[in-house]
Amino acid sequence: MRFSFIIYVICFLACNGMSVSARPNSIRDDNVEKLYNSGLLLANQGKYIDAKDQFFKYISQKDLSEAERYYVTEAIAFCYSKLCQRDSAIYWNEDFVFPPVDKNKISSADSLYRLAYKNIHENSIEEAIRNLNECIKGQKQILGTTHLLTARSKDLLSYAYALENSYQQAIKLKSDALESYNMYYEKNSSTVIGTTMSLADLYDYIGDYDSAYSLSQQLIGLLQTDDENYFNIRFRISRYLSVMGKYSEAISYEQETRSLPDLNLYLKLQSNYNLCEYYVAVGKMQDAFSTIDDALAICEKDSLPQEDMLLL
């Protein structure tokens, strides 16, 4: 009888020990979340120093997921920006212009974004499009239409539509994303430049060379000649001019490109190839042959391999 009672006590303690040991973790998690919610309340009340302190405590007491880290660093950055400490704000999160977000309300949209990203990598494009449309609907309601997270979701959805050859939808979404990026990023930032180039590509795909040319012209004014994209965009501009039948302008533009000091040998050969093509198009065969001779001289002078002559 005594033995049975001891077994009973051991089982009772073991069972209760498990439940008691689980309870503190649950309580602790709730208390940690209260730190974030307290920070939200204080920030909404304009008490940015106190709010920031609560967000820092939240970071110190929790292993953060990627989404949680984004929202709390954005909240800290926002507080710093309101305290006129821009450098500190940028250090924590470049999206510091947006007020702290109730991450519980936006969690469903975040999950849909991650799922859509996975869908794209698994080539389930239609499913990705559905998930991103739902994601954006939630983000618009909670974050607003111009929030950078909403813009990034539109950007990804544009990419998904482009994979399905739905270029008009892709262009609309890419344009919307670019409009938001232009509101918050510098004009020569990598985000604005990269998105503008992608939008120009989309117009190129549908044969709208006027729009592609206009965007490329905007870009060239933002870049220095040592930027890796600079000559690529110049070559695009001359090509757009040529496909629009503006060969005289294309020739002048390409001649200007050849005179730039940062043009390396291979870029010179590419420029010669373009010029030769444009001269032939307008019937200036002698100029075309002279351009070929210039290219041959470049190859001989610099002992370039014969296969580089395939450019010609």
C-alpha atoms as a PDB file:
ATOM      1  CA  MET A   1       0.000   0.000   0.000  1.00  0.00           C
ATOM      2  CA  ARG A   2       2.803   2.399   0.941  1.00  0.00           C
ATOM      3  CA  PHE A   3       4.634   1.565  -2.301  1.00  0.00           C
ATOM      4  CA  SER A   4       1.516   2.298  -4.368  1.00  0.00           C
ATOM      5  CA  PHE A   5       1.121   5.642  -2.620  1.00  0.00           C
ATOM      6  CA  ILE A   6       4.744   6.578  -3.376  1.00  0.00           C
ATOM      7  CA  ILE A   7       4.237   5.686  -7.032  1.00  0.00           C
ATOM      8  CA  TYR A   8       1.093   7.827  -7.026  1.00  0.00           C
ATOM      9  CA  VAL A   9       2.966  10.787  -5.503  1.00  0.00           C
ATOM     10  CA  ILE A  10       5.813  10.441  -8.004  1.00  0.00           C
ATOM     11  CA  CYS A  11       3.370  10.350 -10.916  1.00  0.00           C
ATOM     12  CA  PHE A  12       1.447  13.305  -9.508  1.00  0.00           C
ATOM     13  CA  LEU A  13       4.610  15.377  -9.079  1.00  0.00           C
ATOM     14  CA  ALA A  14       5.904  14.389 -12.499  1.00  0.00           C
ATOM     15  CA  CYS A  15       2.670  15.368 -14.198  1.00  0.00           C
ATOM     16  CA  ASN A  16       2.364  18.606 -12.315  1.00  0.00           C
ATOM     17  CA  GLY A  17       6.041  19.288 -12.736  1.00  0.00           C
ATOM     18  CA  MET A  18       5.604  19.125 -16.497  1.00  0.00           C
ATOM     19  CA  SER A  19       2.675  21.479 -16.438  1.00  0.00           C
ATOM     20  CA  VAL A  20       4.367  23.851 -14.015  1.00  0.00           C
ATOM     21  CA  SER A  21       7.565  23.868 -16.078  1.00  0.00           C
ATOM     22  CA  ALA A  22       5.552  24.636 -19.227  1.00  0.00           C
ATOM     23  CA  ARG A  23       3.624  27.433 -17.573  1.00  0.00           C
ATOM     24  CA  PRO A  24       6.590  29.747 -16.881  1.00  0.00           C
ATOM     25  CA  ASN A  25       7.616  29.659 -20.564  1.00  0.00           C
ATOM     26  CA  SER A  26       4.097  30.626 -21.575  1.00  0.00           C
ATOM     27  CA  ILE A  27       3.988  33.363 -18.957  1.00  0.00           C
ATOM     28  CA  ARG A  28       7.457  34.558 -19.964  1.00  0.00           C
ATOM     29  CA  ASP A  29       6.462  34.727 -23.655  1.00  0.00           C
ATOM     30  CA  ASP A  30       3.379  36.732 -22.739  1.00  0.00           C
ATOM     31  CA  ASN A  31       5.470  39.110 -20.658  1.00  0.00           C
ATOM     32  CA  VAL A  32       7.969  39.570 -23.482  1.00  0.00           C
ATOM     33  CA  GLU A  33       5.161  40.348 -25.930  1.00  0.00           C
ATOM     34  CA  LYS A  34       3.833  42.877 -23.441  1.00  0.00           C
ATOM     35  CA  LEU A  35       7.124  44.745 -23.821  1.00  0.00           C
ATOM     36  CA  TYR A  36       6.516  45.151 -27.550  1.00  0.00           C
ATOM     37  CA  ASN A  37       2.880  46.138 -27.048  1.00  0.00           C
ATOM     38  CA  SER A  38       3.902  48.595 -24.354  1.00  0.00           C
ATOM     39  CA  GLY A  39       6.406  50.119 -26.784  1.00  0.00           C
ATOM     40  CA  LEU A  40       3.648  50.458 -29.387  1.00  0.00           C
ATOM     41  CA  LEU A  41       1.396  52.273 -26.914  1.00  0.00           C
ATOM     42  CA  LEU A  42       4.149  54.616 -25.765  1.00  0.00           C
ATOM     43  CA  ALA A  43       5.165  55.418 -29.345  1.00  0.00           C
ATOM     44  CA  ASN A  44       1.556  56.232 -30.213  1.00  0.00           C
ATOM     45  CA  GLN A  45       1.525  58.578 -27.226  1.00  0.00           C
ATOM     46  CA  GLY A  46       4.660  60.332 -28.464  1.00  0.00           C
ATOM     47  CA  LYS A  47       6.816  58.985 -25.622  1.00  0.00           C
ATOM     48  CA  TYR A  48       9.613  57.884 -27.927  1.00  0.00           C
ATOM     49  CA  ILE A  49      12.406  57.496 -25.356  1.00  0.00           C
ATOM     50  CA  ASP A  50      10.282  55.218 -23.178  1.00  0.00           C
ATOM     51  CA  ALA A  51       8.986  53.358 -26.238  1.00  0.00           C
ATOM     52  CA  LYS A  52      12.514  52.775 -27.488  1.00  0.00           C
ATOM     53  CA  ASP A  53      13.533  51.368 -24.106  1.00  0.00           C
ATOM     54  CA  GLN A  54      10.654  48.891 -24.219  1.00  0.00           C
ATOM     55  CA  PHE A  55      11.607  47.753 -27.714  1.00  0.00           C
ATOM     56  CA  PHE A  56      15.230  47.261 -26.623  1.00  0.00           C
ATOM     57  CA  LYS A  57      14.072  45.115 -23.689  1.00  0.00           C
ATOM     58  CA  TYR A  58      11.953  43.100 -26.127  1.00  0.00           C
ATOM     59  CA  ILE A  59      14.994  42.433 -28.328  1.00  0.00           C
ATOM     60  CA  SER A  60      17.127  41.392 -25.346  1.00  0.00           C
ATOM     61  CA  GLN A  61      14.612  38.835 -24.099  1.00  0.00           C
ATOM     62  CA  LYS A  62      13.515  37.046 -27.256  1.00  0.00           C
ATOM     63  CA  ASP A  63      14.950  35.015 -30.115  1.00  0.00           C
ATOM     64  CA  LEU A  64      13.456  36.929 -33.004  1.00  0.00           C
ATOM     65  CA  SER A  65      12.133  35.611 -36.267  1.00  0.00           C
ATOM     66  CA  GLU A  66      13.035  37.520 -39.422  1.00  0.00           C
ATOM     67  CA  ALA A  67       9.653  39.287 -39.453  1.00  0.00           C
ATOM     68  CA  GLU A  68       9.817  40.143 -35.736  1.00  0.00           C
ATOM     69  CA  ARG A  69      13.299  41.553 -36.159  1.00  0.00           C
ATOM     70  CA  TYR A  70      12.128  43.764 -39.023  1.00  0.00           C
ATOM     71  CA  TYR A  71       9.183  45.197 -37.091  1.00  0.00           C
ATOM     72  CA  VAL A  72      11.027  45.877 -33.848  1.00  0.00           C
ATOM     73  CA  THR A  73      14.039  47.440 -35.583  1.00  0.00           C
ATOM     74  CA  GLU A  74      11.662  49.560 -37.659  1.00  0.00           C
ATOM     75  CA  ALA A  75       9.970  50.643 -34.417  1.00  0.00           C
ATOM     76  CA  ILE A  76      13.314  51.547 -32.817  1.00  0.00           C
ATOM     77  CA  ALA A  77      14.372  53.424 -35.948  1.00  0.00           C
ATOM     78  CA  PHE A  78      11.093  55.347 -35.967  1.00  0.00           C
ATOM     79  CA  CYS A  79      11.641  56.412 -32.359  1.00  0.00           C
ATOM     80  CA  TYR A  80      15.170  57.590 -33.144  1.00  0.00           C
ATOM     81  CA  SER A  81      13.888  59.558 -36.143  1.00  0.00           C
ATOM     82  CA  LYS A  82      11.306  61.276 -33.959  1.00  0.00           C
ATOM     83  CA  LEU A  83      14.104  62.133 -31.533  1.00  0.00           C
ATOM     84  CA  CYS A  84      15.982  63.776 -34.446  1.00  0.00           C
ATOM     85  CA  GLN A  85      18.706  61.094 -34.414  1.00  0.00           C
ATOM     86  CA  ARG A  86      18.651  60.195 -38.108  1.00  0.00           C
ATOM     87  CA  ASP A  87      21.977  58.319 -38.170  1.00  0.00           C
ATOM     88  CA  SER A  88      20.814  56.026 -35.387  1.00  0.00           C
ATOM     89  CA  ALA A  89      17.496  55.545 -37.158  1.00  0.00           C
ATOM     90  CA  ILE A  90      19.220  54.507 -40.388  1.00  0.00           C
ATOM     91  CA  TYR A  91      21.506  52.166 -38.445  1.00  0.00           C
ATOM     92  CA  TRP A  92      18.539  50.232 -37.095  1.00  0.00           C
ATOM     93  CA  ASN A  93      16.261  50.220 -40.125  1.00  0.00           C
ATOM     94  CA  GLU A  94      16.172  52.299 -43.305  1.00  0.00           C
ATOM     95  CA  ASP A  95      12.356  52.150 -43.234  1.00  0.00           C
ATOM     96  CA  PHE A  96      12.327  54.490 -40.232  1.00  0.00           C
ATOM     97  CA  VAL A  97       9.645  56.811 -41.620  1.00  0.00           C
ATOM     98  CA  PHE A  98       6.853  54.368 -40.801  1.00  0.00           C
ATOM     99  CA  PRO A  99       5.194  54.190 -37.356  1.00  0.00           C
ATOM    100  CA  PRO A 100       5.588  50.934 -35.379  1.00  0.00           C
ATOM    101  CA  VAL A 101       3.337  48.130 -36.567  1.00  0.00           C
ATOM    102  CA  ASP A 102       1.173  45.769 -34.555  1.00  0.00           C
ATOM    103  CA  LYS A 103       2.972  42.667 -35.798  1.00  0.00           C
ATOM    104  CA  ASN A 104       0.132  40.363 -34.762  1.00  0.00           C
ATOM    105  CA  LYS A 105      -2.250  42.082 -37.167  1.00  0.00           C
ATOM    106  CA  ILE A 106       0.165  41.818 -40.088  1.00  0.00           C
ATOM    107  CA  SER A 107       1.382  38.260 -39.403  1.00  0.00           C
ATOM    108  CA  SER A 108      -1.067  36.684 -41.880  1.00  0.00           C
ATOM    109  CA  ALA A 109       0.195  38.900 -44.725  1.00  0.00           C
ATOM    110  CA  ASP A 110       3.788  38.115 -43.751  1.00  0.00           C
ATOM    111  CA  SER A 111       3.061  34.391 -43.946  1.00  0.00           C
ATOM    112  CA  LEU A 112       1.487  34.774 -47.366  1.00  0.00           C
ATOM    113  CA  TYR A 113       4.544  36.678 -48.622  1.00  0.00           C
ATOM    114  CA  ARG A 114       6.925  33.955 -47.406  1.00  0.00           C
ATOM    115  CA  LEU A 115       4.721  31.279 -48.933  1.00  0.00           C
ATOM    116  CA  ALA A 116       4.584  33.118 -52.271  1.00  0.00           C
ATOM    117  CA  TYR A 117       8.361  33.471 -52.289  1.00  0.00           C
ATOM    118  CA  LYS A 118       8.601  29.706 -51.767  1.00  0.00           C
ATOM    119  CA  ASN A 119       5.994  29.138 -54.505  1.00  0.00           C
ATOM    120  CA  ILE A 120       8.108  31.065 -57.007  1.00  0.00           C
ATOM    121  CA  HIS A 121      11.227  29.049 -56.211  1.00  0.00           C
ATOM    122  CA  GLU A 122       9.162  25.882 -56.662  1.00  0.00           C
ATOM    123  CA  ASN A 123       7.824  27.233 -59.984  1.00  0.00           C
ATOM    124  CA  SER A 124       4.237  27.313 -58.647  1.00  0.00           C
ATOM    125  CA  ILE A 125       3.646  30.718 -60.181  1.00  0.00           C
ATOM    126  CA  GLU A 126      -0.160  30.755 -60.207  1.00  0.00           C
ATOM    127  CA  GLU A 127      -0.211  29.892 -56.519  1.00  0.00           C
ATOM    128  CA  ALA A 128       2.370  32.610 -55.845  1.00  0.00           C
ATOM    129  CA  ILE A 129       0.186  35.151 -57.635  1.00  0.00           C
ATOM    130  CA  ARG A 130      -2.849  34.194 -55.535  1.00  0.00           C
ATOM    131  CA  ASN A 131      -0.902  34.397 -52.294  1.00  0.00           C
ATOM    132  CA  LEU A 132       0.703  37.720 -53.172  1.00  0.00           C
ATOM    133  CA  ASN A 133      -2.615  39.290 -54.132  1.00  0.00           C
ATOM    134  CA  GLU A 134      -4.018  38.260 -50.740  1.00  0.00           C
ATOM    135  CA  CYS A 135      -0.862  39.474 -49.034  1.00  0.00           C
ATOM    136  CA  ILE A 136      -1.089  42.895 -50.685  1.00  0.00           C
ATOM    137  CA  LYS A 137      -4.765  43.193 -49.788  1.00  0.00           C
ATOM    138  CA  GLY A 138      -3.887  42.717 -46.108  1.00  0.00           C
ATOM    139  CA  GLN A 139      -0.875  45.036 -46.277  1.00  0.00           C
ATOM    140  CA  LYS A 140      -2.940  47.833 -47.831  1.00  0.00           C
ATOM    141  CA  GLN A 141      -5.479  47.591 -45.014  1.00  0.00           C
ATOM    142  CA  ILE A 142      -2.936  47.542 -42.183  1.00  0.00           C
ATOM    143  CA  LEU A 143       0.176  49.286 -43.528  1.00  0.00           C
ATOM    144  CA  GLY A 144      -1.233  51.459 -46.303  1.00  0.00           C
ATOM    145  CA  THR A 145      -0.715  51.512 -50.057  1.00  0.00           C
ATOM    146  CA  THR A 146       2.633  53.358 -50.024  1.00  0.00           C
ATOM    147  CA  HIS A 147       4.381  51.405 -47.256  1.00  0.00           C
ATOM    148  CA  LEU A 148       7.643  49.903 -48.453  1.00  0.00           C
ATOM    149  CA  LEU A 149       6.547  46.390 -47.472  1.00  0.00           C
ATOM    150  CA  THR A 150       3.473  46.802 -49.676  1.00  0.00           C
ATOM    151  CA  ALA A 151       5.735  48.079 -52.465  1.00  0.00           C
ATOM    152  CA  ARG A 152       8.076  45.103 -52.127  1.00  0.00           C
ATOM    153  CA  SER A 153       5.139  42.703 -52.352  1.00  0.00           C
ATOM    154  CA  LYS A 154       3.958  44.488 -55.518  1.00  0.00           C
ATOM    155  CA  ASP A 155       7.474  44.204 -56.891  1.00  0.00           C
ATOM    156  CA  LEU A 156       7.533  40.458 -56.293  1.00  0.00           C
ATOM    157  CA  LEU A 157       4.049  40.063 -57.762  1.00  0.00           C
ATOM    158  CA  SER A 158       5.235  41.989 -60.842  1.00  0.00           C
ATOM    159  CA  TYR A 159       8.029  39.448 -61.214  1.00  0.00           C
ATOM    160  CA  ALA A 160       5.565  36.565 -60.892  1.00  0.00           C
ATOM    161  CA  TYR A 161       3.276  38.026 -63.576  1.00  0.00           C
ATOM    162  CA  ALA A 162       6.279  38.540 -65.859  1.00  0.00           C
ATOM    163  CA  LEU A 163       7.139  34.851 -65.482  1.00  0.00           C
ATOM    164  CA  GLU A 164       3.630  34.135 -66.779  1.00  0.00           C
ATOM    165  CA  ASN A 165       4.190  36.585 -69.671  1.00  0.00           C
ATOM    166  CA  SER A 166       1.457  38.835 -68.244  1.00  0.00           C
ATOM    167  CA  TYR A 167       3.471  41.945 -68.946  1.00  0.00           C
ATOM    168  CA  GLN A 168       0.743  44.573 -68.616  1.00  0.00           C
ATOM    169  CA  GLN A 169      -0.021  43.486 -65.046  1.00  0.00           C
ATOM    170  CA  ALA A 170       3.717  43.269 -64.362  1.00  0.00           C
ATOM    171  CA  ILE A 171       4.277  46.818 -65.643  1.00  0.00           C
ATOM    172  CA  LYS A 172       1.426  48.249 -63.549  1.00  0.00           C
ATOM    173  CA  LEU A 173       2.727  46.656 -60.355  1.00  0.00           C
ATOM    174  CA  LYS A 174       6.361  47.511 -61.065  1.00  0.00           C
ATOM    175  CA  SER A 175       5.360  51.131 -61.717  1.00  0.00           C
ATOM    176  CA  ASP A 176       3.408  51.244 -58.435  1.00  0.00           C
ATOM    177  CA  ALA A 177       6.383  49.821 -56.542  1.00  0.00           C
ATOM    178  CA  LEU A 178       8.754  52.296 -58.167  1.00  0.00           C
ATOM    179  CA  GLU A 179       6.464  55.182 -57.227  1.00  0.00           C
ATOM    180  CA  SER A 180       6.688  54.136 -53.566  1.00  0.00           C
ATOM    181  CA  TYR A 181      10.460  53.638 -53.735  1.00  0.00           C
ATOM    182  CA  ASN A 182      10.858  57.130 -55.170  1.00  0.00           C
ATOM    183  CA  MET A 183       8.996  58.514 -52.162  1.00  0.00           C
ATOM    184  CA  TYR A 184      11.478  57.125 -49.644  1.00  0.00           C
ATOM    185  CA  TYR A 185      14.772  56.348 -51.388  1.00  0.00           C
ATOM    186  CA  GLU A 186      17.326  58.591 -53.057  1.00  0.00           C
ATOM    187  CA  LYS A 187      16.956  58.751 -56.830  1.00  0.00           C
ATOM    188  CA  ASN A 188      20.378  57.143 -57.324  1.00  0.00           C
ATOM    189  CA  SER A 189      19.831  54.374 -54.768  1.00  0.00           C
ATOM    190  CA  SER A 190      20.343  50.797 -55.926  1.00  0.00           C
ATOM    191  CA  THR A 191      16.652  50.056 -55.280  1.00  0.00           C
ATOM    192  CA  VAL A 192      15.371  52.875 -57.507  1.00  0.00           C
ATOM    193  CA  ILE A 193      17.940  52.235 -60.247  1.00  0.00           C
ATOM    194  CA  GLY A 194      17.412  48.466 -60.252  1.00  0.00           C
ATOM    195  CA  THR A 195      13.618  48.778 -60.305  1.00  0.00           C
ATOM    196  CA  THR A 196      13.729  51.383 -63.090  1.00  0.00           C
ATOM    197  CA  MET A 197      15.940  49.080 -65.173  1.00  0.00           C
ATOM    198  CA  SER A 198      13.510  46.210 -64.597  1.00  0.00           C
ATOM    199  CA  LEU A 199      10.589  48.389 -65.650  1.00  0.00           C
ATOM    200  CA  ALA A 200      12.467  49.405 -68.807  1.00  0.00           C
ATOM    201  CA  ASP A 201      13.016  45.692 -69.536  1.00  0.00           C
ATOM    202  CA  LEU A 202       9.277  45.032 -69.241  1.00  0.00           C
ATOM    203  CA  TYR A 203       8.490  47.819 -71.707  1.00  0.00           C
ATOM    204  CA  ASP A 204      11.196  46.392 -73.978  1.00  0.00           C
ATOM    205  CA  TYR A 205       9.525  42.956 -73.892  1.00  0.00           C
ATOM    206  CA  ILE A 206       6.209  44.356 -75.156  1.00  0.00           C
ATOM    207  CA  GLY A 207       7.887  46.538 -77.792  1.00  0.00           C
ATOM    208  CA  ASP A 208       7.138  49.862 -76.109  1.00  0.00           C
ATOM    209  CA  TYR A 209      10.551  51.295 -76.926  1.00  0.00           C
ATOM    210  CA  ASP A 210       9.500  54.899 -76.318  1.00  0.00           C
ATOM    211  CA  SER A 211       8.824  54.119 -72.644  1.00  0.00           C
ATOM    212  CA  ALA A 212      11.947  51.964 -72.334  1.00  0.00           C
ATOM    213  CA  TYR A 213      14.003  54.764 -73.888  1.00  0.00           C
ATOM    214  CA  SER A 214      12.493  57.409 -71.589  1.00  0.00           C
ATOM    215  CA  LEU A 215      13.280  55.368 -68.463  1.00  0.00           C
ATOM    216  CA  SER A 216      16.813  54.664 -69.668  1.00  0.00           C
ATOM    217  CA  GLN A 217      17.357  58.365 -70.249  1.00  0.00           C
ATOM    218  CA  GLN A 218      16.289  59.009 -66.653  1.00  0.00           C
ATOM    219  CA  LEU A 219      18.772  56.432 -65.431  1.00  0.00           C
ATOM    220  CA  ILE A 220      21.777  57.658 -67.374  1.00  0.00           C
ATOM    221  CA  GLY A 221      21.447  61.044 -65.694  1.00  0.00           C
ATOM    222  CA  LEU A 222      21.753  59.411 -62.264  1.00  0.00           C
ATOM    223  CA  LEU A 223      24.859  57.288 -62.881  1.00  0.00           C
ATOM    224  CA  GLN A 224      28.566  58.024 -62.979  1.00  0.00           C
ATOM    225  CA  THR A 225      30.670  56.633 -65.822  1.00  0.00           C
ATOM    226  CA  ASP A 226      32.391  54.217 -63.432  1.00  0.00           C
ATOM    227  CA  ASP A 227      29.083  52.610 -62.439  1.00  0.00           C
ATOM    228  CA  GLU A 228      28.849  49.038 -63.716  1.00  0.00           C
ATOM    229  CA  ASN A 229      25.445  49.770 -65.290  1.00  0.00           C
ATOM    230  CA  TYR A 230      26.428  53.002 -67.016  1.00  0.00           C
ATOM    231  CA  PHE A 231      27.601  51.684 -70.406  1.00  0.00           C
ATOM    232  CA  ASN A 232      24.995  48.941 -70.435  1.00  0.00           C
ATOM    233  CA  ILE A 233      22.332  51.647 -70.258  1.00  0.00           C
ATOM    234  CA  ARG A 234      24.069  53.777 -72.891  1.00  0.00           C
ATOM    235  CA  PHE A 235      24.056  50.808 -75.264  1.00  0.00           C
ATOM    236  CA  ARG A 236      20.360  50.299 -74.496  1.00  0.00           C
ATOM    237  CA  ILE A 237      19.622  53.913 -75.362  1.00  0.00           C
ATOM    238  CA  SER A 238      21.388  53.701 -78.716  1.00  0.00           C
ATOM    239  CA  ARG A 239      19.563  50.448 -79.486  1.00  0.00           C
ATOM    240  CA  TYR A 240      16.182  51.973 -78.608  1.00  0.00           C
ATOM    241  CA  LEU A 241      16.944  54.903 -80.888  1.00  0.00           C
ATOM    242  CA  SER A 242      17.805  52.504 -83.703  1.00  0.00           C
ATOM    243  CA  VAL A 243      14.684  50.314 -83.335  1.00  0.00           C
ATOM    244  CA  MET A 244      12.590  53.499 -83.350  1.00  0.00           C
ATOM    245  CA  GLY A 245      14.232  54.346 -86.681  1.00  0.00           C
ATOM    246  CA  LYS A 246      16.222  57.266 -85.285  1.00  0.00           C
ATOM    247  CA  TYR A 247      19.514  56.122 -86.744  1.00  0.00           C
ATOM    248  CA  SER A 248      21.152  59.553 -86.966  1.00  0.00           C
ATOM    249  CA  GLU A 249      20.561  60.060 -83.245  1.00  0.00           C
ATOM    250  CA  ALA A 250      21.748  56.523 -82.521  1.00  0.00           C
ATOM    251  CA  ILE A 251      24.967  57.130 -84.480  1.00  0.00           C
ATOM    252  CA  SER A 252      25.640  60.435 -82.703  1.00  0.00           C
ATOM    253  CA  TYR A 253      24.964  58.847 -79.326  1.00  0.00           C
ATOM    254  CA  GLU A 254      27.267  55.901 -80.060  1.00  0.00           C
ATOM    255  CA  GLN A 255      30.032  58.216 -81.283  1.00  0.00           C
ATOM    256  CA  GLU A 256      29.712  60.122 -78.028  1.00  0.00           C
ATOM    257  CA  THR A 257      29.983  56.840 -76.123  1.00  0.00           C
ATOM    258  CA  ARG A 258      33.229  55.961 -77.950  1.00  0.00           C
ATOM    259  CA  SER A 259      34.796  59.235 -76.824  1.00  0.00           C
ATOM    260  CA  LEU A 260      34.243  58.587 -73.100  1.00  0.00           C
ATOM    261  CA  PRO A 261      37.457  57.953 -71.122  1.00  0.00           C
ATOM    262  CA  ASP A 262      36.209  54.989 -69.058  1.00  0.00           C
ATOM    263  CA  LEU A 263      35.406  52.840 -72.090  1.00  0.00           C
ATOM    264  CA  ASN A 264      37.459  49.642 -71.952  1.00  0.00           C
ATOM    265  CA  LEU A 265      38.526  47.615 -74.987  1.00  0.00           C
ATOM    266  CA  TYR A 266      35.584  45.244 -75.018  1.00  0.00           C
ATOM    267  CA  LEU A 267      33.128  48.125 -74.641  1.00  0.00           C
ATOM    268  CA  LYS A 268      34.847  49.865 -77.548  1.00  0.00           C
ATOM    269  CA  LEU A 269      34.348  46.747 -79.661  1.00  0.00           C
ATOM    270  CA  GLN A 270      30.681  46.611 -78.647  1.00  0.00           C
ATOM    271  CA  SER A 271      30.289  50.274 -79.573  1.00  0.00           C
ATOM    272  CA  ASN A 272      31.978  49.636 -82.939  1.00  0.00           C
ATOM    273  CA  TYR A 273      29.586  46.755 -83.586  1.00  0.00           C
ATOM    274  CA  ASN A 274      26.598  49.010 -82.851  1.00  0.00           C
ATOM    275  CA  LEU A 275      27.926  51.791 -85.068  1.00  0.00           C
ATOM    276  CA  CYS A 276      28.604  49.397 -87.935  1.00  0.00           C
ATOM    277  CA  GLU A 277      25.017  48.114 -87.717  1.00  0.00           C
ATOM    278  CA  TYR A 278      23.579  51.650 -87.732  1.00  0.00           C
ATOM    279  CA  TYR A 279      25.755  52.753 -90.662  1.00  0.00           C
ATOM    280  CA  VAL A 280      24.608  49.764 -92.689  1.00  0.00           C
ATOM    281  CA  ALA A 281      20.976  50.564 -91.863  1.00  0.00           C
ATOM    282  CA  VAL A 282      21.286  54.049 -93.364  1.00  0.00           C
ATOM    283  CA  GLY A 283      23.384  52.896 -96.320  1.00  0.00           C
ATOM    284  CA  LYS A 284      26.673  54.431 -95.188  1.00  0.00           C
ATOM    285  CA  MET A 285      28.740  51.412 -96.174  1.00  0.00           C
ATOM    286  CA  GLN A 286      32.066  53.233 -96.303  1.00  0.00           C
ATOM    287  CA  ASP A 287      31.596  54.378 -92.697  1.00  0.00           C
ATOM    288  CA  ALA A 288      30.637  50.828 -91.773  1.00  0.00           C
ATOM    289  CA  PHE A 289      33.862  49.442 -93.296  1.00  0.00           C
ATOM    290  CA  SER A 290      35.911  52.147 -91.559  1.00  0.00           C
ATOM    291  CA  THR A 291      34.340  51.139 -88.251  1.00  0.00           C
ATOM    292  CA  ILE A 292      35.328  47.507 -88.886  1.00  0.00           C
ATOM    293  CA  ASP A 293      38.888  48.625 -89.679  1.00  0.00           C
ATOM    294  CA  ASP A 294      38.987  50.557 -86.373  1.00  0.00           C
ATOM    295  CA  ALA A 295      37.881  47.445 -84.517  1.00  0.00           C
ATOM    296  CA  LEU A 296      40.543  45.314 -86.249  1.00  0.00           C
ATOM    297  CA  ALA A 297      43.175  47.870 -85.281  1.00  0.00           C
ATOM    298  CA  ILE A 298      42.050  47.696 -81.639  1.00  0.00           C
ATOM    299  CA  CYS A 299      42.360  43.906 -81.642  1.00  0.00           C
ATOM    300  CA  GLU A 300      45.800  43.944 -83.283  1.00  0.00           C
ATOM    301  CA  LYS A 301      47.140  46.734 -81.067  1.00  0.00           C
ATOM    302  CA  ASP A 302      46.106  45.044 -77.856  1.00  0.00           C
ATOM    303  CA  SER A 303      46.677  41.461 -79.027  1.00  0.00           C
ATOM    304  CA  LEU A 304      43.117  40.438 -78.344  1.00  0.00           C
ATOM    305  CA  PRO A 305      42.218  36.810 -79.129  1.00  0.00           C
ATOM    306  CA  GLN A 306      40.677  36.074 -82.510  1.00  0.00           C
ATOM    307  CA  GLU A 307      37.346  35.020 -80.988  1.00  0.00           C
ATOM    308  CA  ASP A 308      36.744  38.645 -79.941  1.00  0.00           C
ATOM    309  CA  MET A 309      36.432  39.410 -83.644  1.00  0.00           C
ATOM    310  CA  LEU A 310      33.119  37.555 -83.533  1.00  0.00           C
ATOM    311  CA  LEU A 311      31.672  40.826 -82.233  1.00  0.00           C
ATOM    312  CA  LEU A 312      32.131  42.122 -85.733  1.00  0.00           C
END
